[in-house]
């Protein structure tokens, strides 16, 4: 699993696009409800870009 702490929609989109993150962690103390919704929407609408990112992500060992 690859988790990313996402405090802005742009960070959430990049977490999925570049790191293939499958968990989006939102810091509730620092984000409004409206911002959290925008973050989740950005994360869910983003797609992993692959390419050079896939080679790097493949080097991350996964827990068994």
PDB file of N, CA and C in Angstrom:
ATOM      1  N   UNK A   1       0.837  -1.187   0.000  1.00  0.00           N
ATOM      2  CA  UNK A   1       0.000   0.000   0.000  1.00  0.00           C
ATOM      3  C   UNK A   1       0.875   1.242   0.000  1.00  0.00           C
ATOM      4  N   UNK A   2       0.414   2.235  -0.695  1.00  0.00           N
ATOM      5  CA  UNK A   2       1.112   3.507  -0.743  1.00  0.00           C
ATOM      6  C   UNK A   2       0.133   4.596  -0.307  1.00  0.00           C
ATOM      7  N   UNK A   3       0.447   5.212   0.816  1.00  0.00           N
ATOM      8  CA  UNK A   3      -0.420   6.239   1.376  1.00  0.00           C
ATOM      9  C   UNK A   3       0.213   7.605   1.179  1.00  0.00           C
ATOM     10  N   UNK A   4      -0.638   8.622   1.036  1.00  0.00           N
ATOM     11  CA  UNK A   4      -0.158   9.988   0.910  1.00  0.00           C
ATOM     12  C   UNK A   4      -1.010  10.896   1.779  1.00  0.00           C
ATOM     13  N   UNK A   5      -0.354  11.784   2.505  1.00  0.00           N
ATOM     14  CA  UNK A   5      -1.066  12.804   3.265  1.00  0.00           C
ATOM     15  C   UNK A   5      -1.370  13.946   2.304  1.00  0.00           C
ATOM     16  N   UNK A   6      -2.654  14.233   2.127  1.00  0.00           N
ATOM     17  CA  UNK A   6      -3.094  15.203   1.118  1.00  0.00           C
ATOM     18  C   UNK A   6      -3.849  16.337   1.792  1.00  0.00           C
ATOM     19  N   UNK A   7      -3.272  17.524   1.763  1.00  0.00           N
ATOM     20  CA  UNK A   7      -3.890  18.681   2.404  1.00  0.00           C
ATOM     21  C   UNK A   7      -4.407  19.698   1.384  1.00  0.00           C
ATOM     22  N   UNK A   8      -4.179  19.400   0.100  1.00  0.00           N
ATOM     23  CA  UNK A   8      -4.671  20.248  -0.987  1.00  0.00           C
ATOM     24  C   UNK A   8      -5.077  19.351  -2.151  1.00  0.00           C
ATOM     25  N   UNK A   9      -6.041  19.770  -2.966  1.00  0.00           N
ATOM     26  CA  UNK A   9      -6.432  18.953  -4.120  1.00  0.00           C
ATOM     27  C   UNK A   9      -5.264  18.643  -5.058  1.00  0.00           C
ATOM     28  N   UNK A  10      -4.378  19.608  -5.249  1.00  0.00           N
ATOM     29  CA  UNK A  10      -3.240  19.398  -6.138  1.00  0.00           C
ATOM     30  C   UNK A  10      -2.332  18.281  -5.630  1.00  0.00           C
ATOM     31  N   UNK A  11      -2.122  18.239  -4.326  1.00  0.00           N
ATOM     32  CA  UNK A  11      -1.284  17.198  -3.724  1.00  0.00           C
ATOM     33  C   UNK A  11      -1.958  15.838  -3.898  1.00  0.00           C
ATOM     34  N   UNK A  12      -3.273  15.792  -3.712  1.00  0.00           N
ATOM     35  CA  UNK A  12      -4.008  14.533  -3.862  1.00  0.00           C
ATOM     36  C   UNK A  12      -3.903  14.001  -5.283  1.00  0.00           C
ATOM     37  N   UNK A  13      -4.069  14.875  -6.271  1.00  0.00           N
ATOM     38  CA  UNK A  13      -3.971  14.453  -7.665  1.00  0.00           C
ATOM     39  C   UNK A  13      -2.563  13.954  -7.973  1.00  0.00           C
ATOM     40  N   UNK A  14      -1.546  14.670  -7.517  1.00  0.00           N
ATOM     41  CA  UNK A  14      -0.166  14.254  -7.765  1.00  0.00           C
ATOM     42  C   UNK A  14       0.170  12.948  -7.063  1.00  0.00           C
ATOM     43  N   UNK A  15      -0.401  12.723  -5.884  1.00  0.00           N
ATOM     44  CA  UNK A  15      -0.155  11.476  -5.160  1.00  0.00           C
ATOM     45  C   UNK A  15      -0.604  10.280  -5.989  1.00  0.00           C
ATOM     46  N   UNK A  16      -1.732  10.419  -6.655  1.00  0.00           N
ATOM     47  CA  UNK A  16      -2.223   9.326  -7.505  1.00  0.00           C
ATOM     48  C   UNK A  16      -1.457   9.289  -8.823  1.00  0.00           C
ATOM     49  N   UNK A  17      -1.255  10.446  -9.454  1.00  0.00           N
ATOM     50  CA  UNK A  17      -0.629  10.501 -10.774  1.00  0.00           C
ATOM     51  C   UNK A  17       0.828  10.042 -10.762  1.00  0.00           C
ATOM     52  N   UNK A  18       1.586  10.445  -9.755  1.00  0.00           N
ATOM     53  CA  UNK A  18       3.021  10.176  -9.740  1.00  0.00           C
ATOM     54  C   UNK A  18       3.418   9.022  -8.835  1.00  0.00           C
ATOM     55  N   UNK A  19       2.674   8.772  -7.759  1.00  0.00           N
ATOM     56  CA  UNK A  19       3.069   7.747  -6.780  1.00  0.00           C
ATOM     57  C   UNK A  19       2.123   6.567  -6.744  1.00  0.00           C
ATOM     58  N   UNK A  20       1.068   6.589  -7.533  1.00  0.00           N
ATOM     59  CA  UNK A  20       0.067   5.523  -7.554  1.00  0.00           C
ATOM     60  C   UNK A  20      -0.435   5.221  -6.141  1.00  0.00           C
ATOM     61  N   UNK A  21      -0.612   6.289  -5.346  1.00  0.00           N
ATOM     62  CA  UNK A  21      -1.090   6.123  -3.969  1.00  0.00           C
ATOM     63  C   UNK A  21      -2.485   5.499  -3.985  1.00  0.00           C
ATOM     64  N   UNK A  22      -2.690   4.519  -3.109  1.00  0.00           N
ATOM     65  CA  UNK A  22      -4.017   3.899  -3.031  1.00  0.00           C
ATOM     66  C   UNK A  22      -4.721   4.248  -1.723  1.00  0.00           C
ATOM     67  N   UNK A  23      -4.103   5.115  -0.935  1.00  0.00           N
ATOM     68  CA  UNK A  23      -4.722   5.628   0.286  1.00  0.00           C
ATOM     69  C   UNK A  23      -4.477   7.134   0.329  1.00  0.00           C
ATOM     70  N   UNK A  24      -5.535   7.884   0.531  1.00  0.00           N
ATOM     71  CA  UNK A  24      -5.454   9.341   0.640  1.00  0.00           C
ATOM     72  C   UNK A  24      -5.793   9.710   2.084  1.00  0.00           C
ATOM     73  N   UNK A  25      -4.785  10.143   2.833  1.00  0.00           N
ATOM     74  CA  UNK A  25      -4.985  10.532   4.230  1.00  0.00           C
ATOM     75  C   UNK A  25      -5.153  12.052   4.293  1.00  0.00           C
ATOM     76  N   UNK A  26      -6.236  12.495   4.916  1.00  0.00           N
ATOM     77  CA  UNK A  26      -6.540  13.925   4.995  1.00  0.00           C
ATOM     78  C   UNK A  26      -6.426  14.367   6.452  1.00  0.00           C
ATOM     79  N   UNK A  27      -5.588  15.366   6.737  1.00  0.00           N
ATOM     80  CA  UNK A  27      -5.426  15.845   8.107  1.00  0.00           C
ATOM     81  C   UNK A  27      -6.629  16.685   8.544  1.00  0.00           C
ATOM     82  N   UNK A  28      -7.581  16.063   9.208  1.00  0.00           N
ATOM     83  CA  UNK A  28      -8.847  16.695   9.565  1.00  0.00           C
ATOM     84  C   UNK A  28      -8.733  17.963  10.385  1.00  0.00           C
ATOM     85  N   UNK A  29      -7.696  18.092  11.164  1.00  0.00           N
ATOM     86  CA  UNK A  29      -7.546  19.282  12.000  1.00  0.00           C
ATOM     87  C   UNK A  29      -7.197  20.523  11.186  1.00  0.00           C
ATOM     88  N   UNK A  30      -6.651  20.308   9.994  1.00  0.00           N
ATOM     89  CA  UNK A  30      -6.129  21.421   9.206  1.00  0.00           C
ATOM     90  C   UNK A  30      -6.904  21.688   7.919  1.00  0.00           C
ATOM     91  N   UNK A  31      -7.975  20.932   7.689  1.00  0.00           N
ATOM     92  CA  UNK A  31      -8.719  21.024   6.427  1.00  0.00           C
ATOM     93  C   UNK A  31     -10.206  21.187   6.734  1.00  0.00           C
ATOM     94  N   UNK A  32     -10.855  22.124   6.039  1.00  0.00           N
ATOM     95  CA  UNK A  32     -12.301  22.301   6.223  1.00  0.00           C
ATOM     96  C   UNK A  32     -13.043  21.171   5.513  1.00  0.00           C
ATOM     97  N   UNK A  33     -14.326  21.044   5.802  1.00  0.00           N
ATOM     98  CA  UNK A  33     -15.138  20.024   5.135  1.00  0.00           C
ATOM     99  C   UNK A  33     -15.146  20.236   3.622  1.00  0.00           C
ATOM    100  N   UNK A  34     -15.257  21.478   3.198  1.00  0.00           N
ATOM    101  CA  UNK A  34     -15.287  21.783   1.765  1.00  0.00           C
ATOM    102  C   UNK A  34     -13.960  21.431   1.107  1.00  0.00           C
ATOM    103  N   UNK A  35     -12.859  21.746   1.784  1.00  0.00           N
ATOM    104  CA  UNK A  35     -11.541  21.398   1.249  1.00  0.00           C
ATOM    105  C   UNK A  35     -11.372  19.885   1.175  1.00  0.00           C
ATOM    106  N   UNK A  36     -11.858  19.172   2.187  1.00  0.00           N
ATOM    107  CA  UNK A  36     -11.750  17.712   2.198  1.00  0.00           C
ATOM    108  C   UNK A  36     -12.501  17.104   1.012  1.00  0.00           C
ATOM    109  N   UNK A  37     -13.661  17.628   0.715  1.00  0.00           N
ATOM    110  CA  UNK A  37     -14.435  17.126  -0.434  1.00  0.00           C
ATOM    111  C   UNK A  37     -13.667  17.371  -1.726  1.00  0.00           C
ATOM    112  N   UNK A  38     -13.088  18.554  -1.873  1.00  0.00           N
ATOM    113  CA  UNK A  38     -12.305  18.868  -3.072  1.00  0.00           C
ATOM    114  C   UNK A  38     -11.083  17.956  -3.185  1.00  0.00           C
ATOM    115  N   UNK A  39     -10.457  17.648  -2.054  1.00  0.00           N
ATOM    116  CA  UNK A  39      -9.297  16.755  -2.036  1.00  0.00           C
ATOM    117  C   UNK A  39      -9.701  15.363  -2.495  1.00  0.00           C
ATOM    118  N   UNK A  40     -10.785  14.849  -1.947  1.00  0.00           N
ATOM    119  CA  UNK A  40     -11.257  13.508  -2.314  1.00  0.00           C
ATOM    120  C   UNK A  40     -11.640  13.460  -3.792  1.00  0.00           C
ATOM    121  N   UNK A  41     -12.319  14.471  -4.280  1.00  0.00           N
ATOM    122  CA  UNK A  41     -12.695  14.499  -5.696  1.00  0.00           C
ATOM    123  C   UNK A  41     -11.462  14.509  -6.593  1.00  0.00           C
ATOM    124  N   UNK A  42     -10.455  15.313  -6.238  1.00  0.00           N
ATOM    125  CA  UNK A  42      -9.223  15.369  -7.032  1.00  0.00           C
ATOM    126  C   UNK A  42      -8.523  14.020  -7.028  1.00  0.00           C
ATOM    127  N   UNK A  43      -8.475  13.375  -5.871  1.00  0.00           N
ATOM    128  CA  UNK A  43      -7.830  12.062  -5.752  1.00  0.00           C
ATOM    129  C   UNK A  43      -8.566  11.018  -6.589  1.00  0.00           C
ATOM    130  N   UNK A  44      -9.876  10.970  -6.469  1.00  0.00           N
ATOM    131  CA  UNK A  44     -10.654   9.952  -7.177  1.00  0.00           C
ATOM    132  C   UNK A  44     -10.668  10.172  -8.693  1.00  0.00           C
ATOM    133  N   UNK A  45     -10.545  11.418  -9.134  1.00  0.00           N
ATOM    134  CA  UNK A  45     -10.566  11.714 -10.563  1.00  0.00           C
ATOM    135  C   UNK A  45      -9.201  11.590 -11.237  1.00  0.00           C
ATOM    136  N   UNK A  46      -8.151  11.476 -10.448  1.00  0.00           N
ATOM    137  CA  UNK A  46      -6.800  11.368 -11.008  1.00  0.00           C
ATOM    138  C   UNK A  46      -6.508   9.919 -11.394  1.00  0.00           C
ATOM    139  N   UNK A  47      -5.606   9.750 -12.349  1.00  0.00           N
ATOM    140  CA  UNK A  47      -5.177   8.424 -12.774  1.00  0.00           C
ATOM    141  C   UNK A  47      -3.658   8.358 -12.744  1.00  0.00           C
ATOM    142  N   UNK A  48      -3.143   7.191 -12.425  1.00  0.00           N
ATOM    143  CA  UNK A  48      -1.702   6.978 -12.413  1.00  0.00           C
ATOM    144  C   UNK A  48      -1.158   7.176 -13.819  1.00  0.00           C
ATOM    145  N   UNK A  49      -0.091   7.958 -13.951  1.00  0.00           N
ATOM    146  CA  UNK A  49       0.458   8.283 -15.258  1.00  0.00           C
ATOM    147  C   UNK A  49       1.404   7.219 -15.798  1.00  0.00           C
ATOM    148  N   UNK A  50       1.919   6.358 -14.936  1.00  0.00           N
ATOM    149  CA  UNK A  50       2.835   5.315 -15.398  1.00  0.00           C
ATOM    150  C   UNK A  50       4.148   5.906 -15.873  1.00  0.00           C
ATOM    151  N   UNK A  51       4.738   5.314 -16.938  1.00  0.00           N
ATOM    152  CA  UNK A  51       5.995   5.820 -17.490  1.00  0.00           C
ATOM    153  C   UNK A  51       7.108   5.829 -16.475  1.00  0.00           C
ATOM    154  N   UNK A  52       7.805   6.951 -16.378  1.00  0.00           N
ATOM    155  CA  UNK A  52       8.941   7.047 -15.451  1.00  0.00           C
ATOM    156  C   UNK A  52       8.499   6.849 -14.011  1.00  0.00           C
ATOM    157  N   UNK A  53       7.252   7.200 -13.728  1.00  0.00           N
ATOM    158  CA  UNK A  53       6.738   7.023 -12.375  1.00  0.00           C
ATOM    159  C   UNK A  53       6.568   5.540 -12.053  1.00  0.00           C
ATOM    160  N   UNK A  54       6.151   4.749 -13.026  1.00  0.00           N
ATOM    161  CA  UNK A  54       5.946   3.311 -12.809  1.00  0.00           C
ATOM    162  C   UNK A  54       7.257   2.627 -12.462  1.00  0.00           C
ATOM    163  N   UNK A  55       8.329   3.029 -13.128  1.00  0.00           N
ATOM    164  CA  UNK A  55       9.636   2.413 -12.823  1.00  0.00           C
ATOM    165  C   UNK A  55      10.040   2.701 -11.384  1.00  0.00           C
ATOM    166  N   UNK A  56       9.818   3.929 -10.930  1.00  0.00           N
ATOM    167  CA  UNK A  56      10.185   4.303  -9.563  1.00  0.00           C
ATOM    168  C   UNK A  56       9.284   3.616  -8.547  1.00  0.00           C
ATOM    169  N   UNK A  57       7.981   3.609  -8.805  1.00  0.00           N
ATOM    170  CA  UNK A  57       7.031   2.988  -7.885  1.00  0.00           C
ATOM    171  C   UNK A  57       7.311   1.488  -7.756  1.00  0.00           C
ATOM    172  N   UNK A  58       7.728   0.863  -8.849  1.00  0.00           N
ATOM    173  CA  UNK A  58       8.020  -0.578  -8.820  1.00  0.00           C
ATOM    174  C   UNK A  58       9.180  -0.905  -7.890  1.00  0.00           C
ATOM    175  N   UNK A  59      10.014   0.056  -7.569  1.00  0.00           N
ATOM    176  CA  UNK A  59      11.150  -0.160  -6.674  1.00  0.00           C
ATOM    177  C   UNK A  59      10.746  -0.137  -5.199  1.00  0.00           C
ATOM    178  N   UNK A  60       9.523   0.291  -4.902  1.00  0.00           N
ATOM    179  CA  UNK A  60       9.055   0.355  -3.515  1.00  0.00           C
ATOM    180  C   UNK A  60       8.592  -1.025  -3.102  1.00  0.00           C
ATOM    181  N   UNK A  61       9.237  -1.606  -2.078  1.00  0.00           N
ATOM    182  CA  UNK A  61       8.801  -2.937  -1.660  1.00  0.00           C
ATOM    183  C   UNK A  61       7.420  -2.879  -0.985  1.00  0.00           C
ATOM    184  N   UNK A  62       6.586  -3.856  -1.290  1.00  0.00           N
ATOM    185  CA  UNK A  62       5.266  -3.934  -0.678  1.00  0.00           C
ATOM    186  C   UNK A  62       5.322  -4.879   0.505  1.00  0.00           C
ATOM    187  N   UNK A  63       4.630  -4.535   1.572  1.00  0.00           N
ATOM    188  CA  UNK A  63       4.557  -5.402   2.752  1.00  0.00           C
ATOM    189  C   UNK A  63       3.805  -6.664   2.396  1.00  0.00           C
ATOM    190  N   UNK A  64       4.187  -7.758   2.977  1.00  0.00           N
ATOM    191  CA  UNK A  64       3.494  -9.033   2.736  1.00  0.00           C
ATOM    192  C   UNK A  64       2.669  -9.407   3.936  1.00  0.00           C
TER     193      UNK A  64
END
